[in-house]
Amino acid sequence: MAFRGQYEHSLDSKDRLTIPARFRAALSEGVVLVAGLDPCVELYTPQGYEEFSQRFLAQLNPLSKRGRMMSRRFNALASDETLDSAGRVRIARHLIEHAGLEGPCMVIGNADRLEIWNPERWAEHYADVDAQAEQMAEELAAEAGD
């Protein structure tokens, strides 16, 4: 399943976030939560995180400093969770702090994952993306030879 769209949900007093109903079946086997490189929490299916790890982390040399650092960056900050019967997932405190989450959250579909953002940070980030979209599209077209 491809994750798409924007959804407003709230983090409750027990650090749980309700997952949009349309995605719950795809996440019934569990989720992997990771601190994103941007100030957000990335939510993958277990298979999706394994594919990400194989594609980007497994090819790093574990004897190199860079390889060790990147592997630690992603895996030390990851947590395996399951949805509860109400479709909520608990978010670890270190992930909440990384993304600046409290109360309202934006859940963003991004192809192979969901991203959980602080609404103000998301608005700032999206404004930046939108302002640069045409230039980025032209650069990508040039790289593709079109």
N, C-alpha and C. Protein backbone atom coordinates (compact mmCIF):
# COMPACT_ATOMS: atom_id res chain seq x y z
N MET A 1 0.84 -1.19 0.00
CA MET A 1 0.00 0.00 0.00
C MET A 1 0.88 1.24 0.00
N ALA A 2 0.52 2.19 -0.83
CA ALA A 2 1.21 3.47 -0.83
C ALA A 2 0.51 4.40 0.15
N PHE A 3 1.30 5.10 0.93
CA PHE A 3 0.76 6.04 1.91
C PHE A 3 0.72 7.42 1.26
N ARG A 4 -0.48 8.02 1.27
CA ARG A 4 -0.67 9.34 0.67
C ARG A 4 -1.60 10.18 1.53
N GLY A 5 -1.51 11.49 1.38
CA GLY A 5 -2.45 12.40 2.01
C GLY A 5 -1.91 13.05 3.28
N GLN A 6 -2.74 13.94 3.83
CA GLN A 6 -2.43 14.64 5.08
C GLN A 6 -3.62 14.47 6.01
N TYR A 7 -3.32 14.20 7.28
CA TYR A 7 -4.37 13.93 8.26
C TYR A 7 -4.01 14.62 9.56
N GLU A 8 -5.00 15.22 10.19
CA GLU A 8 -4.78 15.84 11.49
C GLU A 8 -5.26 14.89 12.58
N HIS A 9 -4.35 14.56 13.50
CA HIS A 9 -4.67 13.72 14.64
C HIS A 9 -3.98 14.32 15.85
N SER A 10 -4.23 13.77 17.03
CA SER A 10 -3.63 14.31 18.24
C SER A 10 -2.93 13.22 19.04
N LEU A 11 -1.83 13.61 19.65
CA LEU A 11 -1.12 12.76 20.58
C LEU A 11 -1.86 12.85 21.91
N ASP A 12 -2.22 11.71 22.50
CA ASP A 12 -2.96 11.76 23.77
C ASP A 12 -2.01 11.83 24.96
N SER A 13 -2.57 11.87 26.16
CA SER A 13 -1.77 12.01 27.39
C SER A 13 -0.88 10.81 27.66
N LYS A 14 -1.12 9.69 26.97
CA LYS A 14 -0.28 8.49 27.14
C LYS A 14 0.68 8.33 25.96
N ASP A 15 0.92 9.40 25.22
CA ASP A 15 1.84 9.42 24.08
C ASP A 15 1.42 8.47 22.96
N ARG A 16 0.11 8.36 22.75
CA ARG A 16 -0.42 7.51 21.67
C ARG A 16 -1.02 8.41 20.60
N LEU A 17 -0.85 7.98 19.36
CA LEU A 17 -1.39 8.70 18.22
C LEU A 17 -2.34 7.77 17.48
N THR A 18 -3.52 8.24 17.15
CA THR A 18 -4.46 7.47 16.36
C THR A 18 -4.02 7.50 14.90
N ILE A 19 -3.88 6.33 14.33
CA ILE A 19 -3.48 6.19 12.93
C ILE A 19 -4.73 6.36 12.06
N PRO A 20 -4.64 7.07 10.94
CA PRO A 20 -5.81 7.20 10.06
C PRO A 20 -6.38 5.82 9.72
N ALA A 21 -7.70 5.71 9.78
CA ALA A 21 -8.38 4.42 9.62
C ALA A 21 -8.00 3.71 8.32
N ARG A 22 -7.81 4.46 7.25
CA ARG A 22 -7.53 3.83 5.96
C ARG A 22 -6.22 3.06 5.93
N PHE A 23 -5.30 3.32 6.88
CA PHE A 23 -3.99 2.66 6.90
C PHE A 23 -3.88 1.54 7.93
N ARG A 24 -4.86 1.39 8.77
CA ARG A 24 -4.74 0.44 9.89
C ARG A 24 -4.56 -1.00 9.45
N ALA A 25 -5.27 -1.44 8.42
CA ALA A 25 -5.13 -2.83 7.97
C ALA A 25 -3.70 -3.10 7.49
N ALA A 26 -3.12 -2.14 6.77
CA ALA A 26 -1.75 -2.31 6.26
C ALA A 26 -0.73 -2.35 7.38
N LEU A 27 -1.10 -1.82 8.55
CA LEU A 27 -0.18 -1.75 9.69
C LEU A 27 -0.52 -2.76 10.77
N SER A 28 -1.39 -3.69 10.46
CA SER A 28 -1.84 -4.66 11.47
C SER A 28 -0.75 -5.60 11.96
N GLU A 29 0.33 -5.76 11.19
CA GLU A 29 1.44 -6.64 11.59
C GLU A 29 2.46 -5.90 12.47
N GLY A 30 2.21 -4.63 12.72
CA GLY A 30 3.11 -3.82 13.53
C GLY A 30 3.70 -2.68 12.73
N VAL A 31 4.45 -1.85 13.43
CA VAL A 31 5.09 -0.69 12.80
C VAL A 31 6.50 -0.52 13.37
N VAL A 32 7.31 0.18 12.61
CA VAL A 32 8.63 0.59 13.08
C VAL A 32 8.63 2.11 13.04
N LEU A 33 8.89 2.73 14.18
CA LEU A 33 8.97 4.18 14.29
C LEU A 33 10.44 4.58 14.34
N VAL A 34 10.80 5.60 13.56
CA VAL A 34 12.19 6.03 13.44
C VAL A 34 12.26 7.54 13.47
N ALA A 35 13.29 8.08 14.10
CA ALA A 35 13.53 9.52 14.04
C ALA A 35 13.96 9.87 12.62
N GLY A 36 13.19 10.69 11.95
CA GLY A 36 13.52 11.08 10.59
C GLY A 36 14.72 12.02 10.54
N LEU A 37 15.31 12.15 9.38
CA LEU A 37 16.38 13.13 9.21
C LEU A 37 15.81 14.54 9.30
N ASP A 38 14.57 14.71 8.86
CA ASP A 38 13.84 15.96 9.09
C ASP A 38 13.24 15.85 10.49
N PRO A 39 12.74 16.95 11.05
CA PRO A 39 12.19 16.89 12.40
C PRO A 39 10.79 16.24 12.43
N CYS A 40 10.76 14.95 12.17
CA CYS A 40 9.52 14.20 12.18
C CYS A 40 9.81 12.77 12.63
N VAL A 41 8.74 12.02 12.87
CA VAL A 41 8.86 10.60 13.16
C VAL A 41 8.37 9.87 11.92
N GLU A 42 9.18 8.94 11.42
CA GLU A 42 8.79 8.13 10.27
C GLU A 42 8.22 6.82 10.76
N LEU A 43 7.12 6.40 10.15
CA LEU A 43 6.44 5.17 10.54
C LEU A 43 6.41 4.24 9.32
N TYR A 44 7.05 3.09 9.46
CA TYR A 44 7.13 2.09 8.39
C TYR A 44 6.40 0.82 8.82
N THR A 45 5.98 0.03 7.85
CA THR A 45 5.62 -1.35 8.15
C THR A 45 6.94 -2.06 8.46
N PRO A 46 6.91 -3.18 9.19
CA PRO A 46 8.18 -3.90 9.42
C PRO A 46 8.87 -4.26 8.11
N GLN A 47 8.12 -4.70 7.13
CA GLN A 47 8.72 -5.05 5.84
C GLN A 47 9.29 -3.80 5.15
N GLY A 48 8.58 -2.70 5.24
CA GLY A 48 9.05 -1.46 4.64
C GLY A 48 10.36 -0.98 5.26
N TYR A 49 10.47 -1.11 6.59
CA TYR A 49 11.72 -0.71 7.24
C TYR A 49 12.85 -1.65 6.87
N GLU A 50 12.55 -2.94 6.75
CA GLU A 50 13.56 -3.91 6.33
C GLU A 50 14.05 -3.57 4.91
N GLU A 51 13.13 -3.21 4.02
CA GLU A 51 13.52 -2.83 2.66
C GLU A 51 14.39 -1.57 2.68
N PHE A 52 14.00 -0.60 3.49
CA PHE A 52 14.81 0.62 3.64
C PHE A 52 16.21 0.26 4.15
N SER A 53 16.27 -0.56 5.18
CA SER A 53 17.56 -0.96 5.76
C SER A 53 18.43 -1.69 4.74
N GLN A 54 17.83 -2.60 3.99
CA GLN A 54 18.59 -3.35 2.99
C GLN A 54 19.08 -2.44 1.87
N ARG A 55 18.24 -1.50 1.47
CA ARG A 55 18.60 -0.63 0.35
C ARG A 55 19.69 0.37 0.71
N PHE A 56 19.61 0.94 1.93
CA PHE A 56 20.51 2.03 2.27
C PHE A 56 21.53 1.71 3.35
N LEU A 57 21.17 0.93 4.34
CA LEU A 57 22.07 0.69 5.46
C LEU A 57 22.93 -0.55 5.28
N ALA A 58 22.38 -1.60 4.69
CA ALA A 58 23.12 -2.87 4.56
C ALA A 58 24.33 -2.73 3.66
N GLN A 59 24.27 -1.79 2.72
CA GLN A 59 25.40 -1.64 1.80
C GLN A 59 26.55 -0.83 2.40
N LEU A 60 26.34 -0.25 3.58
CA LEU A 60 27.41 0.51 4.23
C LEU A 60 28.43 -0.45 4.85
N ASN A 61 29.66 -0.09 4.80
CA ASN A 61 30.71 -0.92 5.37
C ASN A 61 30.68 -0.78 6.90
N PRO A 62 30.42 -1.88 7.63
CA PRO A 62 30.34 -1.79 9.09
C PRO A 62 31.70 -1.53 9.74
N LEU A 63 32.78 -1.60 8.97
CA LEU A 63 34.10 -1.30 9.51
C LEU A 63 34.46 0.18 9.36
N SER A 64 33.67 0.90 8.55
CA SER A 64 33.94 2.32 8.38
C SER A 64 33.18 3.13 9.43
N LYS A 65 33.76 4.25 9.81
CA LYS A 65 33.11 5.11 10.80
C LYS A 65 31.75 5.59 10.29
N ARG A 66 31.70 5.98 9.03
CA ARG A 66 30.45 6.47 8.44
C ARG A 66 29.37 5.38 8.46
N GLY A 67 29.75 4.15 8.10
CA GLY A 67 28.81 3.04 8.11
C GLY A 67 28.27 2.76 9.50
N ARG A 68 29.15 2.76 10.48
CA ARG A 68 28.72 2.52 11.87
C ARG A 68 27.82 3.64 12.36
N MET A 69 28.18 4.88 12.04
CA MET A 69 27.39 6.02 12.50
C MET A 69 25.98 6.01 11.90
N MET A 70 25.87 5.77 10.61
CA MET A 70 24.55 5.79 9.98
C MET A 70 23.69 4.63 10.47
N SER A 71 24.28 3.47 10.64
CA SER A 71 23.53 2.32 11.16
C SER A 71 22.99 2.62 12.56
N ARG A 72 23.86 3.18 13.40
CA ARG A 72 23.43 3.55 14.76
C ARG A 72 22.36 4.64 14.72
N ARG A 73 22.54 5.62 13.85
CA ARG A 73 21.60 6.74 13.77
C ARG A 73 20.17 6.25 13.54
N PHE A 74 20.04 5.29 12.65
CA PHE A 74 18.70 4.81 12.34
C PHE A 74 18.23 3.73 13.31
N ASN A 75 19.06 2.78 13.63
CA ASN A 75 18.60 1.65 14.43
C ASN A 75 18.48 1.95 15.92
N ALA A 76 19.36 2.78 16.46
CA ALA A 76 19.28 3.09 17.90
C ALA A 76 18.04 3.92 18.21
N LEU A 77 17.58 4.68 17.26
CA LEU A 77 16.42 5.55 17.48
C LEU A 77 15.12 4.93 16.97
N ALA A 78 15.17 3.69 16.53
CA ALA A 78 13.96 3.02 16.02
C ALA A 78 13.28 2.25 17.15
N SER A 79 11.97 2.11 17.05
CA SER A 79 11.24 1.29 18.01
C SER A 79 10.15 0.52 17.29
N ASP A 80 9.99 -0.74 17.70
CA ASP A 80 8.95 -1.59 17.15
C ASP A 80 7.71 -1.46 18.02
N GLU A 81 6.57 -1.23 17.40
CA GLU A 81 5.31 -1.06 18.13
C GLU A 81 4.20 -1.78 17.39
N THR A 82 3.06 -1.90 18.04
CA THR A 82 1.86 -2.44 17.41
C THR A 82 0.71 -1.46 17.66
N LEU A 83 -0.27 -1.52 16.79
CA LEU A 83 -1.47 -0.70 16.99
C LEU A 83 -2.33 -1.36 18.05
N ASP A 84 -2.95 -0.57 18.90
CA ASP A 84 -3.88 -1.14 19.87
C ASP A 84 -5.25 -1.32 19.21
N SER A 85 -6.21 -1.80 19.96
CA SER A 85 -7.54 -2.11 19.39
C SER A 85 -8.26 -0.87 18.88
N ALA A 86 -7.85 0.32 19.32
CA ALA A 86 -8.45 1.57 18.85
C ALA A 86 -7.67 2.19 17.70
N GLY A 87 -6.64 1.47 17.18
CA GLY A 87 -5.86 1.99 16.06
C GLY A 87 -4.84 3.03 16.45
N ARG A 88 -4.40 2.99 17.72
CA ARG A 88 -3.40 3.95 18.19
C ARG A 88 -2.04 3.27 18.31
N VAL A 89 -1.00 4.07 18.17
CA VAL A 89 0.36 3.59 18.35
C VAL A 89 1.03 4.48 19.40
N ARG A 90 1.78 3.85 20.29
CA ARG A 90 2.53 4.60 21.30
C ARG A 90 3.83 5.09 20.68
N ILE A 91 4.14 6.35 20.92
CA ILE A 91 5.37 6.94 20.39
C ILE A 91 6.32 7.16 21.56
N ALA A 92 7.52 6.63 21.43
CA ALA A 92 8.52 6.74 22.49
C ALA A 92 8.88 8.21 22.74
N ARG A 93 9.20 8.52 23.98
CA ARG A 93 9.49 9.89 24.38
C ARG A 93 10.63 10.51 23.56
N HIS A 94 11.70 9.76 23.27
CA HIS A 94 12.80 10.34 22.51
C HIS A 94 12.37 10.72 21.09
N LEU A 95 11.40 10.00 20.53
CA LEU A 95 10.89 10.35 19.21
C LEU A 95 9.99 11.59 19.27
N ILE A 96 9.20 11.67 20.33
CA ILE A 96 8.34 12.85 20.53
C ILE A 96 9.20 14.10 20.64
N GLU A 97 10.28 14.00 21.41
CA GLU A 97 11.18 15.15 21.58
C GLU A 97 11.89 15.49 20.27
N HIS A 98 12.32 14.48 19.53
CA HIS A 98 12.98 14.72 18.24
C HIS A 98 12.10 15.54 17.30
N ALA A 99 10.82 15.19 17.25
CA ALA A 99 9.90 15.85 16.31
C ALA A 99 9.15 17.03 16.90
N GLY A 100 9.32 17.29 18.19
CA GLY A 100 8.61 18.40 18.82
C GLY A 100 7.10 18.19 18.84
N LEU A 101 6.69 16.95 19.10
CA LEU A 101 5.27 16.63 19.09
C LEU A 101 4.64 16.87 20.45
N GLU A 102 3.47 17.45 20.46
CA GLU A 102 2.63 17.52 21.63
C GLU A 102 1.25 17.96 21.17
N GLY A 103 0.24 17.23 21.60
CA GLY A 103 -1.11 17.56 21.17
C GLY A 103 -1.32 17.29 19.70
N PRO A 104 -1.77 18.32 18.95
CA PRO A 104 -2.07 18.11 17.52
C PRO A 104 -0.84 17.68 16.73
N CYS A 105 -1.07 16.79 15.77
CA CYS A 105 0.00 16.29 14.89
C CYS A 105 -0.53 16.22 13.47
N MET A 106 0.37 16.33 12.53
CA MET A 106 0.03 16.09 11.14
C MET A 106 0.63 14.74 10.76
N VAL A 107 -0.21 13.87 10.21
CA VAL A 107 0.23 12.57 9.71
C VAL A 107 0.25 12.70 8.19
N ILE A 108 1.44 12.54 7.63
CA ILE A 108 1.67 12.79 6.21
C ILE A 108 2.01 11.48 5.52
N GLY A 109 1.30 11.15 4.45
CA GLY A 109 1.66 9.99 3.66
C GLY A 109 2.81 10.33 2.73
N ASN A 110 3.83 9.47 2.72
CA ASN A 110 4.99 9.72 1.86
C ASN A 110 5.42 8.39 1.23
N ALA A 111 4.58 7.87 0.34
CA ALA A 111 4.85 6.67 -0.46
C ALA A 111 5.00 5.42 0.39
N ASP A 112 6.21 5.13 0.87
CA ASP A 112 6.47 3.88 1.60
C ASP A 112 6.35 4.04 3.11
N ARG A 113 5.98 5.23 3.57
CA ARG A 113 5.92 5.47 5.02
C ARG A 113 4.94 6.59 5.33
N LEU A 114 4.60 6.68 6.61
CA LEU A 114 3.89 7.83 7.13
C LEU A 114 4.91 8.68 7.88
N GLU A 115 4.70 9.98 7.91
CA GLU A 115 5.53 10.87 8.70
C GLU A 115 4.63 11.61 9.67
N ILE A 116 5.10 11.77 10.89
CA ILE A 116 4.34 12.45 11.93
C ILE A 116 5.07 13.74 12.27
N TRP A 117 4.39 14.84 12.06
CA TRP A 117 4.99 16.17 12.19
C TRP A 117 4.26 17.03 13.22
N ASN A 118 4.99 17.91 13.84
CA ASN A 118 4.41 19.03 14.58
C ASN A 118 3.76 19.91 13.51
N PRO A 119 2.51 20.35 13.69
CA PRO A 119 1.82 21.12 12.63
C PRO A 119 2.55 22.38 12.16
N GLU A 120 3.16 23.11 13.09
CA GLU A 120 3.87 24.32 12.70
C GLU A 120 5.12 23.99 11.88
N ARG A 121 5.85 22.96 12.32
CA ARG A 121 7.05 22.55 11.57
C ARG A 121 6.67 22.04 10.18
N TRP A 122 5.55 21.31 10.11
CA TRP A 122 5.10 20.81 8.81
C TRP A 122 4.75 21.98 7.88
N ALA A 123 4.03 22.97 8.38
CA ALA A 123 3.64 24.11 7.56
C ALA A 123 4.88 24.84 7.03
N GLU A 124 5.89 25.03 7.88
CA GLU A 124 7.13 25.69 7.45
C GLU A 124 7.85 24.83 6.40
N HIS A 125 7.96 23.54 6.68
CA HIS A 125 8.65 22.64 5.77
C HIS A 125 7.94 22.58 4.41
N TYR A 126 6.61 22.43 4.44
CA TYR A 126 5.88 22.33 3.19
C TYR A 126 5.96 23.63 2.39
N ALA A 127 5.94 24.77 3.06
CA ALA A 127 6.07 26.05 2.35
C ALA A 127 7.41 26.10 1.61
N ASP A 128 8.47 25.59 2.25
CA ASP A 128 9.79 25.55 1.62
C ASP A 128 9.79 24.60 0.42
N VAL A 129 9.19 23.42 0.60
CA VAL A 129 9.09 22.44 -0.49
C VAL A 129 8.32 23.04 -1.67
N ASP A 130 7.19 23.63 -1.37
CA ASP A 130 6.34 24.19 -2.42
C ASP A 130 7.05 25.31 -3.17
N ALA A 131 7.80 26.15 -2.44
CA ALA A 131 8.50 27.26 -3.07
C ALA A 131 9.60 26.78 -4.01
N GLN A 132 10.18 25.60 -3.74
CA GLN A 132 11.27 25.09 -4.55
C GLN A 132 10.85 24.01 -5.55
N ALA A 133 9.59 23.62 -5.55
CA ALA A 133 9.14 22.48 -6.35
C ALA A 133 9.41 22.65 -7.84
N GLU A 134 9.10 23.79 -8.40
CA GLU A 134 9.29 23.98 -9.84
C GLU A 134 10.77 23.88 -10.21
N GLN A 135 11.64 24.52 -9.43
CA GLN A 135 13.07 24.46 -9.72
C GLN A 135 13.58 23.02 -9.58
N MET A 136 13.16 22.31 -8.55
CA MET A 136 13.59 20.92 -8.37
C MET A 136 13.11 20.06 -9.53
N ALA A 137 11.88 20.29 -9.99
CA ALA A 137 11.35 19.52 -11.11
C ALA A 137 12.19 19.75 -12.36
N GLU A 138 12.56 20.99 -12.62
CA GLU A 138 13.40 21.31 -13.78
C GLU A 138 14.77 20.62 -13.68
N GLU A 139 15.35 20.62 -12.49
CA GLU A 139 16.65 19.98 -12.28
C GLU A 139 16.55 18.46 -12.51
N LEU A 140 15.48 17.86 -11.99
CA LEU A 140 15.28 16.41 -12.18
C LEU A 140 15.06 16.08 -13.65
N ALA A 141 14.31 16.92 -14.35
CA ALA A 141 14.07 16.70 -15.77
C ALA A 141 15.38 16.78 -16.55
N ALA A 142 16.23 17.74 -16.18
CA ALA A 142 17.52 17.89 -16.85
C ALA A 142 18.41 16.67 -16.60
N GLU A 143 18.40 16.15 -15.38
CA GLU A 143 19.18 14.96 -15.05
C GLU A 143 18.69 13.75 -15.84
N ALA A 144 17.38 13.68 -16.06
CA ALA A 144 16.80 12.56 -16.79
C ALA A 144 16.98 12.70 -18.30
N GLY A 145 17.47 13.84 -18.73
CA GLY A 145 17.70 14.05 -20.16
C GLY A 145 16.49 14.51 -20.91
N ASP A 146 15.52 15.04 -20.23
CA ASP A 146 14.31 15.52 -20.92
C ASP A 146 14.36 17.02 -21.15
